[in-house]
Full PDB file with SEQRES, HELIX, SHEET, SSBOND, CRYST1, ORIGX, SCALE, CONECT and MASTER records, all heavy atoms in Angstrom:
SEQRES   1 A   34  ASP THR ASP ILE TYR HIS PHE ILE ASP GLY LEU HIS ALA          
SEQRES   2 A   34  ALA LEU PRO GLY ARG VAL ARG LEU GLN GLN MET VAL ILE          
SEQRES   3 A   34  GLU LYS ASN GLY ASN GLY THR PRO                              
HELIX    1 AA1 THR A    2  ALA A   14  1                                  13    
CRYST1    1.000    1.000    1.000  90.00  90.00  90.00 P 1           1          
ORIGX1      1.000000  0.000000  0.000000        0.00000                         
ORIGX2      0.000000  1.000000  0.000000        0.00000                         
ORIGX3      0.000000  0.000000  1.000000        0.00000                         
SCALE1      1.000000  0.000000  0.000000        0.00000                         
SCALE2      0.000000  1.000000  0.000000        0.00000                         
SCALE3      0.000000  0.000000  1.000000        0.00000                         
ATOM      1  N   ASP A   1       0.814  -1.203   0.025  1.00  0.00           N  
ATOM      2  CA  ASP A   1      -0.007  -0.001  -0.010  1.00  0.00           C  
ATOM      3  C   ASP A   1       0.854   1.250  -0.013  1.00  0.00           C  
ATOM      4  O   ASP A   1       0.454   2.303  -0.524  1.00  0.00           O  
ATOM      5  CB  ASP A   1      -0.978   0.003   1.164  1.00  0.00           C  
ATOM      6  CG  ASP A   1      -0.282  -0.054   2.533  1.00  0.00           C  
ATOM      7  OD1 ASP A   1       0.946  -0.330   2.569  1.00  0.00           O  
ATOM      8  OD2 ASP A   1      -0.957   0.155   3.538  1.00  0.00           O  
ATOM      9  N   THR A   2       2.103   1.183   0.569  1.00  0.00           N  
ATOM     10  CA  THR A   2       2.965   2.375   0.544  1.00  0.00           C  
ATOM     11  C   THR A   2       3.353   2.719  -0.887  1.00  0.00           C  
ATOM     12  O   THR A   2       3.573   3.883  -1.177  1.00  0.00           O  
ATOM     13  CB  THR A   2       4.248   2.090   1.391  1.00  0.00           C  
ATOM     14  OG1 THR A   2       4.836   0.865   0.954  1.00  0.00           O  
ATOM     15  CG2 THR A   2       3.894   2.029   2.891  1.00  0.00           C  
ATOM     16  N   ASP A   3       3.471   1.745  -1.756  1.00  0.00           N  
ATOM     17  CA  ASP A   3       3.750   2.052  -3.181  1.00  0.00           C  
ATOM     18  C   ASP A   3       2.619   2.886  -3.787  1.00  0.00           C  
ATOM     19  O   ASP A   3       2.882   3.803  -4.553  1.00  0.00           O  
ATOM     20  CB  ASP A   3       3.897   0.758  -4.006  1.00  0.00           C  
ATOM     21  CG  ASP A   3       5.130  -0.072  -3.574  1.00  0.00           C  
ATOM     22  OD1 ASP A   3       6.050   0.532  -3.004  1.00  0.00           O  
ATOM     23  OD2 ASP A   3       5.133  -1.304  -3.816  1.00  0.00           O  
ATOM     24  N   ILE A   4       1.398   2.556  -3.420  1.00  0.00           N  
ATOM     25  CA  ILE A   4       0.243   3.290  -3.889  1.00  0.00           C  
ATOM     26  C   ILE A   4       0.240   4.726  -3.410  1.00  0.00           C  
ATOM     27  O   ILE A   4       0.042   5.670  -4.156  1.00  0.00           O  
ATOM     28  CB  ILE A   4      -1.097   2.568  -3.497  1.00  0.00           C  
ATOM     29  CG1 ILE A   4      -1.193   1.200  -4.247  1.00  0.00           C  
ATOM     30  CG2 ILE A   4      -2.277   3.443  -3.808  1.00  0.00           C  
ATOM     31  CD1 ILE A   4      -2.307   0.326  -3.762  1.00  0.00           C  
ATOM     32  N   TYR A   5       0.532   4.882  -2.105  1.00  0.00           N  
ATOM     33  CA  TYR A   5       0.563   6.233  -1.551  1.00  0.00           C  
ATOM     34  C   TYR A   5       1.682   7.097  -2.168  1.00  0.00           C  
ATOM     35  O   TYR A   5       1.466   8.264  -2.456  1.00  0.00           O  
ATOM     36  CB  TYR A   5       0.722   6.168  -0.010  1.00  0.00           C  
ATOM     37  CG  TYR A   5      -0.424   5.435   0.686  1.00  0.00           C  
ATOM     38  CD1 TYR A   5      -0.167   4.516   1.657  1.00  0.00           C  
ATOM     39  CD2 TYR A   5      -1.755   5.664   0.299  1.00  0.00           C  
ATOM     40  CE1 TYR A   5      -1.194   3.813   2.288  1.00  0.00           C  
ATOM     41  CE2 TYR A   5      -2.784   4.989   0.928  1.00  0.00           C  
ATOM     42  CZ  TYR A   5      -2.501   4.096   1.900  1.00  0.00           C  
ATOM     43  OH  TYR A   5      -3.558   3.423   2.507  1.00  0.00           O  
ATOM     44  N   HIS A   6       2.822   6.481  -2.399  1.00  0.00           N  
ATOM     45  CA  HIS A   6       3.930   7.175  -3.049  1.00  0.00           C  
ATOM     46  C   HIS A   6       3.538   7.569  -4.497  1.00  0.00           C  
ATOM     47  O   HIS A   6       3.889   8.667  -4.948  1.00  0.00           O  
ATOM     48  CB  HIS A   6       5.211   6.356  -3.077  1.00  0.00           C  
ATOM     49  CG  HIS A   6       5.903   6.229  -1.741  1.00  0.00           C  
ATOM     50  ND1 HIS A   6       6.189   7.294  -0.950  1.00  0.00           N  
ATOM     51  CD2 HIS A   6       6.279   5.117  -1.047  1.00  0.00           C  
ATOM     52  CE1 HIS A   6       6.785   6.882   0.149  1.00  0.00           C  
ATOM     53  NE2 HIS A   6       6.842   5.548   0.149  1.00  0.00           N  
ATOM     54  N   PHE A   7       2.826   6.691  -5.175  1.00  0.00           N  
ATOM     55  CA  PHE A   7       2.382   6.999  -6.516  1.00  0.00           C  
ATOM     56  C   PHE A   7       1.446   8.207  -6.549  1.00  0.00           C  
ATOM     57  O   PHE A   7       1.621   9.136  -7.319  1.00  0.00           O  
ATOM     58  CB  PHE A   7       1.671   5.773  -7.108  1.00  0.00           C  
ATOM     59  CG  PHE A   7       0.967   6.050  -8.398  1.00  0.00           C  
ATOM     60  CD1 PHE A   7       1.671   6.278  -9.580  1.00  0.00           C  
ATOM     61  CD2 PHE A   7      -0.425   6.103  -8.449  1.00  0.00           C  
ATOM     62  CE1 PHE A   7       0.995   6.537 -10.757  1.00  0.00           C  
ATOM     63  CE2 PHE A   7      -1.096   6.394  -9.626  1.00  0.00           C  
ATOM     64  CZ  PHE A   7      -0.369   6.596 -10.788  1.00  0.00           C  
ATOM     65  N   ILE A   8       0.454   8.214  -5.638  1.00  0.00           N  
ATOM     66  CA  ILE A   8      -0.524   9.306  -5.620  1.00  0.00           C  
ATOM     67  C   ILE A   8       0.171  10.626  -5.252  1.00  0.00           C  
ATOM     68  O   ILE A   8      -0.039  11.663  -5.876  1.00  0.00           O  
ATOM     69  CB  ILE A   8      -1.683   9.021  -4.644  1.00  0.00           C  
ATOM     70  CG1 ILE A   8      -2.480   7.799  -5.107  1.00  0.00           C  
ATOM     71  CG2 ILE A   8      -2.589  10.211  -4.468  1.00  0.00           C  
ATOM     72  CD1 ILE A   8      -3.244   8.012  -6.411  1.00  0.00           C  
ATOM     73  N   ASP A   9       1.051  10.549  -4.266  1.00  0.00           N  
ATOM     74  CA  ASP A   9       1.820  11.779  -3.885  1.00  0.00           C  
ATOM     75  C   ASP A   9       2.709  12.246  -5.025  1.00  0.00           C  
ATOM     76  O   ASP A   9       2.843  13.454  -5.276  1.00  0.00           O  
ATOM     77  CB  ASP A   9       2.697  11.490  -2.632  1.00  0.00           C  
ATOM     78  CG  ASP A   9       1.906  11.425  -1.363  1.00  0.00           C  
ATOM     79  OD1 ASP A   9       0.739  11.908  -1.350  1.00  0.00           O  
ATOM     80  OD2 ASP A   9       2.442  10.881  -0.376  1.00  0.00           O  
ATOM     81  N   GLY A  10       3.294  11.337  -5.718  1.00  0.00           N  
ATOM     82  CA  GLY A  10       4.113  11.672  -6.874  1.00  0.00           C  
ATOM     83  C   GLY A  10       3.374  12.356  -7.995  1.00  0.00           C  
ATOM     84  O   GLY A  10       3.907  13.242  -8.645  1.00  0.00           O  
ATOM     85  N   LEU A  11       2.114  11.961  -8.190  1.00  0.00           N  
ATOM     86  CA  LEU A  11       1.290  12.600  -9.249  1.00  0.00           C  
ATOM     87  C   LEU A  11       1.048  14.073  -8.882  1.00  0.00           C  
ATOM     88  O   LEU A  11       1.085  14.916  -9.783  1.00  0.00           O  
ATOM     89  CB  LEU A  11      -0.076  11.910  -9.386  1.00  0.00           C  
ATOM     90  CG  LEU A  11      -0.062  10.548 -10.100  1.00  0.00           C  
ATOM     91  CD1 LEU A  11      -1.486  10.046 -10.197  1.00  0.00           C  
ATOM     92  CD2 LEU A  11       0.600  10.633 -11.412  1.00  0.00           C  
ATOM     93  N   HIS A  12       0.874  14.384  -7.609  1.00  0.00           N  
ATOM     94  CA  HIS A  12       0.668  15.771  -7.217  1.00  0.00           C  
ATOM     95  C   HIS A  12       1.874  16.619  -7.572  1.00  0.00           C  
ATOM     96  O   HIS A  12       1.734  17.764  -7.994  1.00  0.00           O  
ATOM     97  CB  HIS A  12       0.434  15.869  -5.688  1.00  0.00           C  
ATOM     98  CG  HIS A  12      -0.928  15.401  -5.272  1.00  0.00           C  
ATOM     99  ND1 HIS A  12      -1.193  14.125  -4.895  1.00  0.00           N  
ATOM    100  CD2 HIS A  12      -2.134  16.106  -5.213  1.00  0.00           C  
ATOM    101  CE1 HIS A  12      -2.460  13.994  -4.587  1.00  0.00           C  
ATOM    102  NE2 HIS A  12      -3.058  15.187  -4.783  1.00  0.00           N  
ATOM    103  N   ALA A  13       3.076  16.071  -7.476  1.00  0.00           N  
ATOM    104  CA  ALA A  13       4.267  16.826  -7.759  1.00  0.00           C  
ATOM    105  C   ALA A  13       4.635  16.819  -9.261  1.00  0.00           C  
ATOM    106  O   ALA A  13       5.171  17.764  -9.782  1.00  0.00           O  
ATOM    107  CB  ALA A  13       5.459  16.243  -6.970  1.00  0.00           C  
ATOM    108  N   ALA A  14       4.290  15.706  -9.939  1.00  0.00           N  
ATOM    109  CA  ALA A  14       4.734  15.550 -11.341  1.00  0.00           C  
ATOM    110  C   ALA A  14       3.869  16.230 -12.349  1.00  0.00           C  
ATOM    111  O   ALA A  14       4.353  16.818 -13.346  1.00  0.00           O  
ATOM    112  CB  ALA A  14       4.841  14.077 -11.684  1.00  0.00           C  
ATOM    113  N   LEU A  15       2.578  16.212 -12.129  1.00  0.00           N  
ATOM    114  CA  LEU A  15       1.656  16.780 -13.136  1.00  0.00           C  
ATOM    115  C   LEU A  15       1.592  18.289 -13.073  1.00  0.00           C  
ATOM    116  O   LEU A  15       1.569  18.847 -11.951  1.00  0.00           O  
ATOM    117  CB  LEU A  15       0.267  16.212 -13.018  1.00  0.00           C  
ATOM    118  CG  LEU A  15       0.131  14.683 -13.212  1.00  0.00           C  
ATOM    119  CD1 LEU A  15      -1.330  14.282 -13.174  1.00  0.00           C  
ATOM    120  CD2 LEU A  15       0.773  14.246 -14.500  1.00  0.00           C  
ATOM    121  N   PRO A  16       1.485  18.978 -14.216  1.00  0.00           N  
ATOM    122  CA  PRO A  16       1.332  20.441 -14.176  1.00  0.00           C  
ATOM    123  C   PRO A  16      -0.014  20.824 -13.644  1.00  0.00           C  
ATOM    124  O   PRO A  16      -1.001  20.067 -13.802  1.00  0.00           O  
ATOM    125  CB  PRO A  16       1.507  20.827 -15.647  1.00  0.00           C  
ATOM    126  CG  PRO A  16       1.159  19.610 -16.434  1.00  0.00           C  
ATOM    127  CD  PRO A  16       1.559  18.453 -15.573  1.00  0.00           C  
ATOM    128  N   GLY A  17      -0.109  21.975 -13.071  1.00  0.00           N  
ATOM    129  CA  GLY A  17      -1.415  22.405 -12.511  1.00  0.00           C  
ATOM    130  C   GLY A  17      -1.613  21.825 -11.126  1.00  0.00           C  
ATOM    131  O   GLY A  17      -0.704  21.566 -10.353  1.00  0.00           O  
ATOM    132  N   ARG A  18      -2.858  21.515 -10.856  1.00  0.00           N  
ATOM    133  CA  ARG A  18      -3.247  20.997  -9.505  1.00  0.00           C  
ATOM    134  C   ARG A  18      -4.039  19.710  -9.662  1.00  0.00           C  
ATOM    135  O   ARG A  18      -4.956  19.620 -10.462  1.00  0.00           O  
ATOM    136  CB  ARG A  18      -4.097  22.052  -8.807  1.00  0.00           C  
ATOM    137  CG  ARG A  18      -4.502  21.643  -7.414  1.00  0.00           C  
ATOM    138  CD  ARG A  18      -5.272  22.750  -6.706  1.00  0.00           C  
ATOM    139  NE  ARG A  18      -4.444  23.908  -6.549  1.00  0.00           N  
ATOM    140  CZ  ARG A  18      -3.885  24.296  -5.449  1.00  0.00           C  
ATOM    141  NH1 ARG A  18      -4.068  23.574  -4.373  1.00  0.00           N  
ATOM    142  NH2 ARG A  18      -3.169  25.358  -5.347  1.00  0.00           N  
ATOM    143  N   VAL A  19      -3.648  18.709  -8.886  1.00  0.00           N  
ATOM    144  CA  VAL A  19      -4.296  17.403  -8.917  1.00  0.00           C  
ATOM    145  C   VAL A  19      -4.935  17.184  -7.562  1.00  0.00           C  
ATOM    146  O   VAL A  19      -4.298  17.401  -6.528  1.00  0.00           O  
ATOM    147  CB  VAL A  19      -3.290  16.294  -9.196  1.00  0.00           C  
ATOM    148  CG1 VAL A  19      -3.964  14.909  -9.154  1.00  0.00           C  
ATOM    149  CG2 VAL A  19      -2.635  16.485 -10.577  1.00  0.00           C  
ATOM    150  N   ARG A  20      -6.213  16.784  -7.572  1.00  0.00           N  
ATOM    151  CA  ARG A  20      -6.922  16.516  -6.327  1.00  0.00           C  
ATOM    152  C   ARG A  20      -7.561  15.145  -6.372  1.00  0.00           C  
ATOM    153  O   ARG A  20      -8.252  14.819  -7.328  1.00  0.00           O  
ATOM    154  CB  ARG A  20      -7.984  17.608  -6.101  1.00  0.00           C  
ATOM    155  CG  ARG A  20      -8.657  17.499  -4.741  1.00  0.00           C  
ATOM    156  CD  ARG A  20      -9.525  18.662  -4.444  1.00  0.00           C  
ATOM    157  NE  ARG A  20     -10.639  18.704  -5.394  1.00  0.00           N  
ATOM    158  CZ  ARG A  20     -11.599  19.613  -5.351  1.00  0.00           C  
ATOM    159  NH1 ARG A  20     -11.565  20.601  -4.503  1.00  0.00           N  
ATOM    160  NH2 ARG A  20     -12.586  19.605  -6.208  1.00  0.00           N  
ATOM    161  N   LEU A  21      -7.250  14.357  -5.376  1.00  0.00           N  
ATOM    162  CA  LEU A  21      -7.802  12.998  -5.304  1.00  0.00           C  
ATOM    163  C   LEU A  21      -9.288  13.086  -4.959  1.00  0.00           C  
ATOM    164  O   LEU A  21      -9.676  13.662  -3.975  1.00  0.00           O  
ATOM    165  CB  LEU A  21      -7.025  12.198  -4.227  1.00  0.00           C  
ATOM    166  CG  LEU A  21      -7.453  10.744  -4.032  1.00  0.00           C  
ATOM    167  CD1 LEU A  21      -7.181   9.945  -5.318  1.00  0.00           C  
ATOM    168  CD2 LEU A  21      -6.719  10.154  -2.872  1.00  0.00           C  
ATOM    169  N   GLN A  22     -10.104  12.438  -5.775  1.00  0.00           N  
ATOM    170  CA  GLN A  22     -11.558  12.465  -5.586  1.00  0.00           C  
ATOM    171  C   GLN A  22     -12.002  11.158  -4.859  1.00  0.00           C  
ATOM    172  O   GLN A  22     -12.850  11.181  -3.997  1.00  0.00           O  
ATOM    173  CB  GLN A  22     -12.302  12.559  -6.897  1.00  0.00           C  
ATOM    174  CG  GLN A  22     -12.060  13.851  -7.619  1.00  0.00           C  
ATOM    175  CD  GLN A  22     -12.672  15.018  -6.916  1.00  0.00           C  
ATOM    176  OE1 GLN A  22     -13.895  15.037  -6.634  1.00  0.00           O  
ATOM    177  NE2 GLN A  22     -11.885  16.016  -6.548  1.00  0.00           N  
ATOM    178  N   GLN A  23     -11.396  10.049  -5.294  1.00  0.00           N  
ATOM    179  CA  GLN A  23     -11.798   8.762  -4.743  1.00  0.00           C  
ATOM    180  C   GLN A  23     -10.637   7.775  -4.908  1.00  0.00           C  
ATOM    181  O   GLN A  23      -9.956   7.784  -5.959  1.00  0.00           O  
ATOM    182  CB  GLN A  23     -13.034   8.279  -5.441  1.00  0.00           C  
ATOM    183  CG  GLN A  23     -13.525   6.906  -4.947  1.00  0.00           C  
ATOM    184  CD  GLN A  23     -14.728   6.409  -5.726  1.00  0.00           C  
ATOM    185  OE1 GLN A  23     -15.063   6.907  -6.790  1.00  0.00           O  
ATOM    186  NE2 GLN A  23     -15.421   5.411  -5.176  1.00  0.00           N  
ATOM    187  N   MET A  24     -10.415   6.946  -3.924  1.00  0.00           N  
ATOM    188  CA  MET A  24      -9.391   5.941  -4.029  1.00  0.00           C  
ATOM    189  C   MET A  24      -9.880   4.657  -3.313  1.00  0.00           C  
ATOM    190  O   MET A  24     -10.328   4.742  -2.144  1.00  0.00           O  
ATOM    191  CB  MET A  24      -8.062   6.401  -3.433  1.00  0.00           C  
ATOM    192  CG  MET A  24      -6.943   5.366  -3.543  1.00  0.00           C  
ATOM    193  SD  MET A  24      -5.306   5.997  -3.100  1.00  0.00           S  
ATOM    194  CE  MET A  24      -5.430   6.131  -1.335  1.00  0.00           C  
ATOM    195  N   VAL A  25      -9.743   3.533  -3.997  1.00  0.00           N  
ATOM    196  CA  VAL A  25     -10.124   2.242  -3.388  1.00  0.00           C  
ATOM    197  C   VAL A  25      -8.915   1.310  -3.543  1.00  0.00           C  
ATOM    198  O   VAL A  25      -8.355   1.145  -4.619  1.00  0.00           O  
ATOM    199  CB  VAL A  25     -11.367   1.658  -4.114  1.00  0.00           C  
ATOM    200  CG1 VAL A  25     -11.680   0.281  -3.531  1.00  0.00           C  
ATOM    201  CG2 VAL A  25     -12.539   2.563  -3.978  1.00  0.00           C  
ATOM    202  N   ILE A  26      -8.550   0.709  -2.417  1.00  0.00           N  
ATOM    203  CA  ILE A  26      -7.463  -0.318  -2.408  1.00  0.00           C  
ATOM    204  C   ILE A  26      -8.085  -1.628  -1.944  1.00  0.00           C  
ATOM    205  O   ILE A  26      -8.658  -1.706  -0.815  1.00  0.00           O  
ATOM    206  CB  ILE A  26      -6.303   0.093  -1.481  1.00  0.00           C  
ATOM    207  CG1 ILE A  26      -5.724   1.432  -1.928  1.00  0.00           C  
ATOM    208  CG2 ILE A  26      -5.249  -0.987  -1.486  1.00  0.00           C  
ATOM    209  CD1 ILE A  26      -4.690   1.991  -0.993  1.00  0.00           C  
ATOM    210  N   GLU A  27      -7.998  -2.648  -2.792  1.00  0.00           N  
ATOM    211  CA  GLU A  27      -8.597  -3.961  -2.461  1.00  0.00           C  
ATOM    212  C   GLU A  27      -7.481  -5.009  -2.510  1.00  0.00           C  
ATOM    213  O   GLU A  27      -6.510  -4.897  -3.252  1.00  0.00           O  
ATOM    214  CB  GLU A  27      -9.674  -4.309  -3.425  1.00  0.00           C  
ATOM    215  CG  GLU A  27     -10.838  -3.351  -3.490  1.00  0.00           C  
ATOM    216  CD  GLU A  27     -11.814  -3.668  -4.585  1.00  0.00           C  
ATOM    217  OE1 GLU A  27     -11.376  -3.722  -5.735  1.00  0.00           O  
ATOM    218  OE2 GLU A  27     -13.017  -3.850  -4.269  1.00  0.00           O  
ATOM    219  N   LYS A  28      -7.674  -6.092  -1.751  1.00  0.00           N  
ATOM    220  CA  LYS A  28      -6.742  -7.212  -1.845  1.00  0.00           C  
ATOM    221  C   LYS A  28      -6.992  -7.919  -3.192  1.00  0.00           C  
ATOM    222  O   LYS A  28      -8.091  -8.083  -3.607  1.00  0.00           O  
ATOM    223  CB  LYS A  28      -7.006  -8.200  -0.697  1.00  0.00           C  
ATOM    224  CG  LYS A  28      -6.400  -7.733   0.606  1.00  0.00           C  
ATOM    225  CD  LYS A  28      -6.457  -8.830   1.616  1.00  0.00           C  
ATOM    226  CE  LYS A  28      -5.652  -8.424   2.839  1.00  0.00           C  
ATOM    227  NZ  LYS A  28      -5.559  -9.486   3.828  1.00  0.00           N  
ATOM    228  N   ASN A  29      -5.853  -8.345  -3.759  1.00  0.00           N  
ATOM    229  CA  ASN A  29      -5.951  -8.968  -5.089  1.00  0.00           C  
ATOM    230  C   ASN A  29      -4.814 -10.021  -5.126  1.00  0.00           C  
ATOM    231  O   ASN A  29      -3.680  -9.678  -5.254  1.00  0.00           O  
ATOM    232  CB  ASN A  29      -5.758  -7.916  -6.163  1.00  0.00           C  
ATOM    233  CG  ASN A  29      -5.752  -8.482  -7.548  1.00  0.00           C  
ATOM    234  OD1 ASN A  29      -6.386  -9.526  -7.773  1.00  0.00           O  
ATOM    235  ND2 ASN A  29      -5.089  -7.848  -8.463  1.00  0.00           N  
ATOM    236  N   GLY A  30      -5.103 -11.250  -4.967  1.00  0.00           N  
ATOM    237  CA  GLY A  30      -4.065 -12.278  -5.023  1.00  0.00           C  
ATOM    238  C   GLY A  30      -4.046 -13.104  -3.786  1.00  0.00           C  
ATOM    239  O   GLY A  30      -4.932 -13.045  -2.929  1.00  0.00           O  
ATOM    240  N   ASN A  31      -2.954 -13.885  -3.659  1.00  0.00           N  
ATOM    241  CA  ASN A  31      -2.900 -14.872  -2.571  1.00  0.00           C  
ATOM    242  C   ASN A  31      -2.022 -14.422  -1.397  1.00  0.00           C  
ATOM    243  O   ASN A  31      -1.737 -15.214  -0.499  1.00  0.00           O  
ATOM    244  CB  ASN A  31      -2.368 -16.203  -3.095  1.00  0.00           C  
ATOM    245  CG  ASN A  31      -1.028 -16.040  -3.801  1.00  0.00           C  
ATOM    246  OD1 ASN A  31      -0.412 -15.007  -3.661  1.00  0.00           O  
ATOM    247  ND2 ASN A  31      -0.616 -17.070  -4.490  1.00  0.00           N  
ATOM    248  N   GLY A  32      -1.526 -13.209  -1.397  1.00  0.00           N  
ATOM    249  CA  GLY A  32      -0.718 -12.688  -0.271  1.00  0.00           C  
ATOM    250  C   GLY A  32       0.709 -13.089  -0.341  1.00  0.00           C  
ATOM    251  O   GLY A  32       1.427 -13.011   0.670  1.00  0.00           O  
ATOM    252  N   THR A  33       1.231 -13.542  -1.478  1.00  0.00           N  
ATOM    253  CA  THR A  33       2.596 -13.906  -1.634  1.00  0.00           C  
ATOM    254  C   THR A  33       3.463 -12.636  -1.541  1.00  0.00           C  
ATOM    255  O   THR A  33       3.186 -11.695  -2.264  1.00  0.00           O  
ATOM    256  CB  THR A  33       2.867 -14.595  -3.003  1.00  0.00           C  
ATOM    257  OG1 THR A  33       1.937 -15.692  -3.129  1.00  0.00           O  
ATOM    258  CG2 THR A  33       4.295 -15.046  -3.148  1.00  0.00           C  
ATOM    259  N   PRO A  34       4.482 -12.590  -0.702  1.00  0.00           N  
ATOM    260  CA  PRO A  34       5.317 -11.393  -0.552  1.00  0.00           C  
ATOM    261  C   PRO A  34       5.948 -11.036  -1.894  1.00  0.00           C  
ATOM    262  O   PRO A  34       6.493 -11.874  -2.597  1.00  0.00           O  
ATOM    263  CB  PRO A  34       6.389 -11.818   0.488  1.00  0.00           C  
ATOM    264  CG  PRO A  34       5.736 -12.929   1.227  1.00  0.00           C  
ATOM    265  CD  PRO A  34       4.872 -13.648   0.259  1.00  0.00           C  
TER     266      PRO A  34                                                      
MASTER        0    0    0    1    0    0    0    6  265    1    0    3          
END                                                                             
């Protein structure tokens, strides 16, 4: 999940103008293999 948070934070810095998160859903997907 930290990769996801870094990605969203990075979009705020990388994209021109202003980016505002409207909705975010994180769901489990897979068998939990590290």
